[in-house]
Amino acid sequence: MAPESFAVIAYCSTCGSRTATRQVGNQLLSACPDCDRIFFRNPKVVVTALIEDQGRALLVLRDIEPGRGLWGLPGGFVDWDEHPEVAMVRECREEVQVTVEPVELLAVQHVVHEDEGIVVLPYRARLVGGEPAAGDEVQEVGWFRPDRLPPLAFASHRTILQHWSREVLARGAA
C-alpha cells in the first residue's frame, strides 16, 4: 500500500510530535516516534431506521451531501459516547420529528466510501409518537411502497429496502 492511499495524521494528538508512517501488520499507518501512539483507521458507525406502516417505509429527501436531493432512510453517525440504539432514536427525532423504538437490528453492512470505512447498523424501528415532518438535514419526508421507491442516495439503503420489499411482497402473497 502506498503512503498516499491513506489519510496521514501529521501530528500526534497525545504529545504533539510529528508523526511518521509505519508498517503495522499489513497496513501503513501514522504513528508517533516519541510516544509510540499508532493512529488506526477505524470505521465510522452509522445507524439507519426502517420505519414501516401499512406496507410503506418512511424515507427522507436529503438536504445535505452526500446524496443531497435523493431519498434515504432516516439516520446518521453515532456519537462517540452513545449506544447505537440511542443514536438511531436521536436521529429519527432530529430528522423526521418522531419518537421511535428499536425493534431489531437488521443485517450489518460495511461500506468503503472514498477513503473511509463505514459500518452501517440498520434497525427496524416502531413509530411510537409524533407525526413525520422534515427536520434537520431533510427537505421532505414521505411514505413509500416497495414498488414505488424513489431514487436512493446510498447503496446500503437500497440493500435494506430490497430485503424489506421482498418481505412486504411475501406477506401480501400469503
Protein backbone atom coordinates (compact mmCIF):
# COMPACT_ATOMS: atom_id res chain seq x y z
CA MET A 1 0.00 0.00 0.00
CA ALA A 2 1.43 3.37 -0.98
CA PRO A 3 1.58 6.07 1.73
CA GLU A 4 -0.68 8.37 -0.31
CA SER A 5 -3.50 5.79 -0.22
CA PHE A 6 -4.41 6.56 3.40
CA ALA A 7 -5.16 9.63 5.46
CA VAL A 8 -1.96 10.85 7.12
CA ILE A 9 -2.12 12.23 10.65
CA ALA A 10 0.65 14.86 10.67
CA TYR A 11 0.96 15.48 14.42
CA CYS A 12 0.34 13.27 17.44
CA SER A 13 -2.72 14.31 19.42
CA THR A 14 -1.15 12.86 22.58
CA CYS A 15 2.26 14.58 22.67
CA GLY A 16 2.28 16.94 19.67
CA SER A 17 5.24 15.34 17.90
CA ARG A 18 5.37 14.98 14.12
CA THR A 19 4.22 11.50 13.11
CA ALA A 20 5.83 9.08 10.70
CA THR A 21 4.42 6.33 8.52
CA ARG A 22 4.91 2.88 9.99
CA GLN A 23 4.09 -0.61 8.83
CA VAL A 24 1.67 -2.12 11.39
CA GLY A 25 0.64 -5.63 10.46
CA ASN A 26 -0.33 -5.45 6.81
CA GLN A 27 -1.08 -1.71 6.67
CA LEU A 28 0.73 1.60 6.66
CA LEU A 29 -0.41 3.89 9.46
CA SER A 30 0.59 7.19 11.02
CA ALA A 31 2.49 6.62 14.25
CA CYS A 32 4.30 8.81 16.77
CA PRO A 33 8.01 8.05 17.09
CA ASP A 34 8.15 9.75 20.51
CA CYS A 35 5.22 8.29 22.49
CA ASP A 36 4.59 5.29 20.19
CA ARG A 37 0.90 6.04 19.63
CA ILE A 38 -0.49 4.42 16.49
CA PHE A 39 -3.35 6.09 14.64
CA PHE A 40 -5.52 3.22 13.48
CA ARG A 41 -8.02 3.84 10.70
CA ASN A 42 -11.21 2.86 12.48
CA PRO A 43 -14.51 2.96 10.63
CA LYS A 44 -17.26 5.44 11.40
CA VAL A 45 -20.52 3.96 12.65
CA VAL A 46 -23.83 4.97 11.07
CA VAL A 47 -27.34 3.98 12.14
CA THR A 48 -30.46 3.93 9.98
CA ALA A 49 -34.10 3.32 10.81
CA LEU A 50 -36.51 1.28 8.74
CA ILE A 51 -39.87 2.60 9.97
CA GLU A 52 -42.79 0.74 8.43
CA ASP A 53 -46.52 1.46 8.44
CA GLN A 54 -49.15 -0.44 6.44
CA GLY A 55 -46.62 -1.82 3.96
CA ARG A 56 -44.89 1.52 3.48
CA ALA A 57 -41.44 2.73 4.57
CA LEU A 58 -40.71 6.24 5.83
CA LEU A 59 -37.96 7.92 3.79
CA VAL A 60 -36.32 11.35 3.86
CA LEU A 61 -35.31 13.59 0.98
CA ARG A 62 -31.76 14.58 1.94
CA ASP A 63 -30.83 18.25 2.19
CA ILE A 64 -27.08 17.70 2.69
CA GLU A 65 -24.25 15.95 0.89
CA PRO A 66 -23.62 13.22 0.25
CA GLY A 67 -26.81 12.42 -1.58
CA ARG A 68 -28.48 15.83 -1.43
CA GLY A 69 -31.73 15.71 -3.41
CA LEU A 70 -32.01 11.92 -3.16
CA TRP A 71 -34.00 9.79 -0.75
CA GLY A 72 -32.83 7.62 2.09
CA LEU A 73 -33.68 6.12 5.43
CA PRO A 74 -33.52 8.43 8.44
CA GLY A 75 -30.24 8.04 10.29
CA GLY A 76 -26.74 9.31 10.77
CA PHE A 77 -23.48 9.00 12.65
CA VAL A 78 -23.24 7.53 16.14
CA ASP A 79 -21.62 9.92 18.61
CA TRP A 80 -18.60 8.56 20.45
CA ASP A 81 -20.46 8.41 23.77
CA GLU A 82 -23.83 6.96 22.74
CA HIS A 83 -25.21 3.50 22.18
CA PRO A 84 -26.23 2.87 18.54
CA GLU A 85 -29.89 2.36 19.51
CA VAL A 86 -29.89 5.72 21.30
CA ALA A 87 -28.29 7.31 18.21
CA MET A 88 -30.99 5.83 15.98
CA VAL A 89 -33.75 7.24 18.21
CA ARG A 90 -31.99 10.64 18.31
CA GLU A 91 -31.51 10.77 14.53
CA CYS A 92 -35.22 9.99 13.94
CA ARG A 93 -36.23 12.76 16.35
CA GLU A 94 -33.86 15.23 14.64
CA GLU A 95 -34.61 14.30 11.02
CA VAL A 96 -38.29 13.30 10.99
CA GLN A 97 -39.62 14.77 14.26
CA VAL A 98 -40.88 11.43 15.60
CA THR A 99 -40.19 9.14 18.52
CA VAL A 100 -39.30 5.57 17.64
CA GLU A 101 -38.19 2.48 19.49
CA PRO A 102 -35.81 -0.12 18.12
CA VAL A 103 -37.41 -3.44 17.21
CA GLU A 104 -34.47 -5.39 15.77
CA LEU A 105 -31.03 -4.96 14.31
CA LEU A 106 -31.00 -5.94 10.63
CA ALA A 107 -28.00 -7.19 8.64
CA VAL A 108 -24.93 -5.08 9.41
CA GLN A 109 -23.12 -3.65 6.38
CA HIS A 110 -19.59 -2.41 5.77
CA VAL A 111 -19.12 0.30 3.14
CA VAL A 112 -15.95 1.94 1.85
CA HIS A 113 -16.67 5.49 0.73
CA GLU A 114 -13.72 7.45 -0.69
CA ASP A 115 -11.00 6.91 1.95
CA GLU A 116 -13.30 5.99 4.87
CA GLY A 117 -14.75 2.77 6.16
CA ILE A 118 -18.32 2.96 7.42
CA VAL A 119 -20.21 0.35 9.45
CA VAL A 120 -23.96 0.65 8.84
CA LEU A 121 -26.24 -0.59 11.63
CA PRO A 122 -29.77 -0.70 10.21
CA TYR A 123 -32.58 -1.02 12.73
CA ARG A 124 -36.19 -1.89 12.19
CA ALA A 125 -37.96 0.73 14.31
CA ARG A 126 -41.51 1.24 15.52
CA LEU A 127 -43.11 4.68 15.41
CA VAL A 128 -44.35 5.46 18.93
CA GLY A 129 -45.01 9.21 18.82
CA GLY A 130 -45.25 12.25 16.64
CA GLU A 131 -46.23 12.93 13.08
CA PRO A 132 -43.41 12.62 10.49
CA ALA A 133 -42.19 16.02 9.28
CA ALA A 134 -38.96 17.33 7.76
CA GLY A 135 -36.39 18.23 10.42
CA ASP A 136 -32.61 18.73 10.41
CA GLU A 137 -30.84 17.97 7.12
CA VAL A 138 -34.13 16.93 5.44
CA GLN A 139 -36.13 18.64 2.66
CA GLU A 140 -39.20 16.44 2.94
CA VAL A 141 -40.43 13.09 4.26
CA GLY A 142 -42.65 10.52 2.61
CA TRP A 143 -44.13 7.06 2.93
CA PHE A 144 -43.24 4.72 0.06
CA ARG A 145 -44.48 1.30 -1.01
CA PRO A 146 -41.94 -1.30 -2.19
CA ASP A 147 -42.98 -0.93 -5.83
CA ARG A 148 -42.78 2.89 -5.75
CA LEU A 149 -39.38 3.61 -4.16
CA PRO A 150 -37.79 6.93 -5.22
CA PRO A 151 -34.13 7.39 -6.30
CA LEU A 152 -31.99 6.45 -3.30
CA ALA A 153 -28.80 8.17 -2.13
CA PHE A 154 -26.93 5.11 -0.85
CA ALA A 155 -26.39 1.52 -1.98
CA SER A 156 -26.62 0.42 1.67
CA HIS A 157 -30.15 1.86 1.90
CA ARG A 158 -31.04 0.19 -1.39
CA THR A 159 -29.95 -3.18 0.05
CA ILE A 160 -32.03 -2.67 3.22
CA LEU A 161 -35.09 -1.64 1.23
CA GLN A 162 -34.71 -4.53 -1.24
CA HIS A 163 -34.84 -7.02 1.65
CA TRP A 164 -37.79 -5.16 3.15
CA SER A 165 -39.58 -5.12 -0.24
CA ARG A 166 -39.26 -8.90 -0.52
CA GLU A 167 -40.73 -9.27 3.00
CA VAL A 168 -43.67 -6.98 2.22
CA LEU A 169 -44.39 -8.72 -1.08
CA ALA A 170 -44.16 -12.15 0.58
CA ARG A 171 -46.63 -11.06 3.28
CA GLY A 172 -49.00 -9.83 0.57
CA ALA A 173 -48.82 -13.18 -1.24
CA ALA A 174 -49.50 -15.15 1.95
